[in-house]
Amino acid sequence: MAKTPEAKVKSVVTRQLKDIGAYYFYPVTGGFGASGVPDIIGCYDGLFFGIECKAGKNKPTELQKKNLHDIELAGGMAFVVNETNMHTVADQLKIWRDFERSQDQGPLGE
């Protein structure tokens, strides 16, 4: 069975997450789950993230945008991934981790 365009994006993203040792899962949103939750929820080196995967001209819904924003307000990283940036997820997470670590250091890098 052929993969949908969005499934291809998810496959590229999860391959990168596995390669960097991130913990992640696909939340179940039907029935008892919450709507608008990002496609992939995870943690990388102690940092929480949410990733919404899209393909083609698809854009996040208003509820998805709100949930991504709420993750950022809580101190996590949230972003939308599509065919144009799907190969940069690992780099984005590493840059964010390095930035967060640099903020934790004292004035002399202690």
C-alpha atoms as a PDB file:
ATOM      1  CA  MET A   1       0.000   0.000   0.000  1.00  0.00           C
ATOM      2  CA  ALA A   2       1.378   3.400  -0.985  1.00  0.00           C
ATOM      3  CA  LYS A   3       2.075   5.976   1.685  1.00  0.00           C
ATOM      4  CA  THR A   4       0.162   9.237   1.715  1.00  0.00           C
ATOM      5  CA  PRO A   5       2.242  12.415   1.326  1.00  0.00           C
ATOM      6  CA  GLU A   6       1.765  13.189   5.032  1.00  0.00           C
ATOM      7  CA  ALA A   7       2.808   9.645   5.984  1.00  0.00           C
ATOM      8  CA  LYS A   8       6.021  10.171   4.015  1.00  0.00           C
ATOM      9  CA  VAL A   9       6.716  13.347   6.005  1.00  0.00           C
ATOM     10  CA  LYS A  10       6.072  11.495   9.271  1.00  0.00           C
ATOM     11  CA  SER A  11       8.388   8.677   8.195  1.00  0.00           C
ATOM     12  CA  VAL A  12      11.265  11.088   7.478  1.00  0.00           C
ATOM     13  CA  VAL A  13      10.671  12.871  10.796  1.00  0.00           C
ATOM     14  CA  THR A  14      10.524   9.718  12.915  1.00  0.00           C
ATOM     15  CA  ARG A  15      13.678   8.337  11.275  1.00  0.00           C
ATOM     16  CA  GLN A  16      15.526  11.454  12.448  1.00  0.00           C
ATOM     17  CA  LEU A  17      14.020  11.236  15.927  1.00  0.00           C
ATOM     18  CA  LYS A  18      15.195   7.617  16.225  1.00  0.00           C
ATOM     19  CA  ASP A  19      18.666   8.572  14.987  1.00  0.00           C
ATOM     20  CA  ILE A  20      19.127  11.223  17.712  1.00  0.00           C
ATOM     21  CA  GLY A  21      17.649   9.045  20.463  1.00  0.00           C
ATOM     22  CA  ALA A  22      14.520  11.126  21.075  1.00  0.00           C
ATOM     23  CA  TYR A  23      11.533   9.624  22.853  1.00  0.00           C
ATOM     24  CA  TYR A  24       8.348  10.168  20.835  1.00  0.00           C
ATOM     25  CA  PHE A  25       4.869   8.842  20.185  1.00  0.00           C
ATOM     26  CA  TYR A  26       1.777   9.460  18.084  1.00  0.00           C
ATOM     27  CA  PRO A  27      -1.018  10.510  20.455  1.00  0.00           C
ATOM     28  CA  VAL A  28      -4.422   8.914  19.978  1.00  0.00           C
ATOM     29  CA  THR A  29      -6.930  11.725  19.568  1.00  0.00           C
ATOM     30  CA  GLY A  30     -10.148   9.908  18.657  1.00  0.00           C
ATOM     31  CA  GLY A  31     -12.777   9.058  21.234  1.00  0.00           C
ATOM     32  CA  PHE A  32     -11.336  10.047  24.600  1.00  0.00           C
ATOM     33  CA  GLY A  33      -8.308  11.998  23.336  1.00  0.00           C
ATOM     34  CA  ALA A  34      -8.019  15.755  22.881  1.00  0.00           C
ATOM     35  CA  SER A  35      -8.467  17.311  19.449  1.00  0.00           C
ATOM     36  CA  GLY A  36      -5.789  19.429  17.802  1.00  0.00           C
ATOM     37  CA  VAL A  37      -2.886  17.673  19.514  1.00  0.00           C
ATOM     38  CA  PRO A  38       0.279  17.606  17.347  1.00  0.00           C
ATOM     39  CA  ASP A  39       0.925  14.471  15.296  1.00  0.00           C
ATOM     40  CA  ILE A  40       4.117  13.667  17.189  1.00  0.00           C
ATOM     41  CA  ILE A  41       4.811  14.376  20.863  1.00  0.00           C
ATOM     42  CA  GLY A  42       8.221  13.751  22.325  1.00  0.00           C
ATOM     43  CA  CYS A  43      11.181  14.585  24.460  1.00  0.00           C
ATOM     44  CA  TYR A  44      14.756  15.139  23.369  1.00  0.00           C
ATOM     45  CA  ASP A  45      17.523  15.488  25.933  1.00  0.00           C
ATOM     46  CA  GLY A  46      14.994  16.598  28.555  1.00  0.00           C
ATOM     47  CA  LEU A  47      13.186  19.045  26.267  1.00  0.00           C
ATOM     48  CA  PHE A  48       9.521  18.555  25.368  1.00  0.00           C
ATOM     49  CA  PHE A  49       8.386  19.007  21.770  1.00  0.00           C
ATOM     50  CA  GLY A  50       5.321  18.750  19.553  1.00  0.00           C
ATOM     51  CA  ILE A  51       5.468  18.342  15.786  1.00  0.00           C
ATOM     52  CA  GLU A  52       2.549  18.841  13.421  1.00  0.00           C
ATOM     53  CA  CYS A  53       3.167  17.117  10.070  1.00  0.00           C
ATOM     54  CA  LYS A  54       1.587  18.461   6.894  1.00  0.00           C
ATOM     55  CA  ALA A  55       1.954  17.754   3.199  1.00  0.00           C
ATOM     56  CA  GLY A  56       1.348  19.776   0.072  1.00  0.00           C
ATOM     57  CA  LYS A  57      -0.568  22.978   0.666  1.00  0.00           C
ATOM     58  CA  ASN A  58      -2.162  21.742   3.897  1.00  0.00           C
ATOM     59  CA  LYS A  59      -1.883  24.094   6.850  1.00  0.00           C
ATOM     60  CA  PRO A  60      -2.522  23.567  10.576  1.00  0.00           C
ATOM     61  CA  THR A  61      -6.053  24.217  11.786  1.00  0.00           C
ATOM     62  CA  GLU A  62      -6.713  26.997  14.285  1.00  0.00           C
ATOM     63  CA  LEU A  63      -6.984  24.407  17.069  1.00  0.00           C
ATOM     64  CA  GLN A  64      -3.663  22.845  16.033  1.00  0.00           C
ATOM     65  CA  LYS A  65      -2.052  26.305  16.007  1.00  0.00           C
ATOM     66  CA  LYS A  66      -3.429  26.954  19.512  1.00  0.00           C
ATOM     67  CA  ASN A  67      -2.007  23.675  20.820  1.00  0.00           C
ATOM     68  CA  LEU A  68       1.401  24.371  19.260  1.00  0.00           C
ATOM     69  CA  HIS A  69       1.348  27.830  20.827  1.00  0.00           C
ATOM     70  CA  ASP A  70       0.368  26.383  24.224  1.00  0.00           C
ATOM     71  CA  ILE A  71       3.355  24.008  24.057  1.00  0.00           C
ATOM     72  CA  GLU A  72       5.660  26.964  23.415  1.00  0.00           C
ATOM     73  CA  LEU A  73       4.100  28.953  26.274  1.00  0.00           C
ATOM     74  CA  ALA A  74       4.824  26.002  28.569  1.00  0.00           C
ATOM     75  CA  GLY A  75       8.500  26.050  27.560  1.00  0.00           C
ATOM     76  CA  GLY A  76       8.449  23.342  24.907  1.00  0.00           C
ATOM     77  CA  MET A  77       9.287  23.482  21.230  1.00  0.00           C
ATOM     78  CA  ALA A  78       6.506  23.226  18.678  1.00  0.00           C
ATOM     79  CA  PHE A  79       6.702  23.402  14.933  1.00  0.00           C
ATOM     80  CA  VAL A  80       5.065  22.418  11.681  1.00  0.00           C
ATOM     81  CA  VAL A  81       6.966  20.106   9.355  1.00  0.00           C
ATOM     82  CA  ASN A  82       6.290  19.578   5.668  1.00  0.00           C
ATOM     83  CA  GLU A  83       8.203  18.492   2.576  1.00  0.00           C
ATOM     84  CA  THR A  84      10.304  21.677   2.570  1.00  0.00           C
ATOM     85  CA  ASN A  85      11.735  21.296   6.086  1.00  0.00           C
ATOM     86  CA  MET A  86      11.225  17.612   6.951  1.00  0.00           C
ATOM     87  CA  HIS A  87      14.939  16.834   6.689  1.00  0.00           C
ATOM     88  CA  THR A  88      15.896  19.485   9.277  1.00  0.00           C
ATOM     89  CA  VAL A  89      14.026  18.217  12.353  1.00  0.00           C
ATOM     90  CA  ALA A  90      17.075  16.686  14.062  1.00  0.00           C
ATOM     91  CA  ASP A  91      19.108  19.842  13.418  1.00  0.00           C
ATOM     92  CA  GLN A  92      16.322  22.063  14.780  1.00  0.00           C
ATOM     93  CA  LEU A  93      16.086  19.999  17.963  1.00  0.00           C
ATOM     94  CA  LYS A  94      19.871  19.993  18.449  1.00  0.00           C
ATOM     95  CA  ILE A  95      20.076  23.767  17.963  1.00  0.00           C
ATOM     96  CA  TRP A  96      17.253  24.266  20.475  1.00  0.00           C
ATOM     97  CA  ARG A  97      18.942  21.935  22.982  1.00  0.00           C
ATOM     98  CA  ASP A  98      22.269  23.738  22.631  1.00  0.00           C
ATOM     99  CA  PHE A  99      20.573  27.118  23.040  1.00  0.00           C
ATOM    100  CA  GLU A 100      18.721  25.965  26.162  1.00  0.00           C
ATOM    101  CA  ARG A 101      21.949  24.608  27.645  1.00  0.00           C
ATOM    102  CA  SER A 102      23.753  27.891  26.961  1.00  0.00           C
ATOM    103  CA  GLN A 103      20.998  29.743  28.851  1.00  0.00           C
ATOM    104  CA  ASP A 104      21.502  27.529  31.909  1.00  0.00           C
ATOM    105  CA  GLN A 105      25.133  28.531  32.337  1.00  0.00           C
ATOM    106  CA  GLY A 106      26.297  31.260  34.683  1.00  0.00           C
ATOM    107  CA  PRO A 107      27.846  34.526  33.470  1.00  0.00           C
ATOM    108  CA  LEU A 108      31.246  32.858  33.008  1.00  0.00           C
ATOM    109  CA  GLY A 109      29.897  29.690  31.419  1.00  0.00           C
ATOM    110  CA  GLU A 110      29.903  27.879  34.753  1.00  0.00           C
END
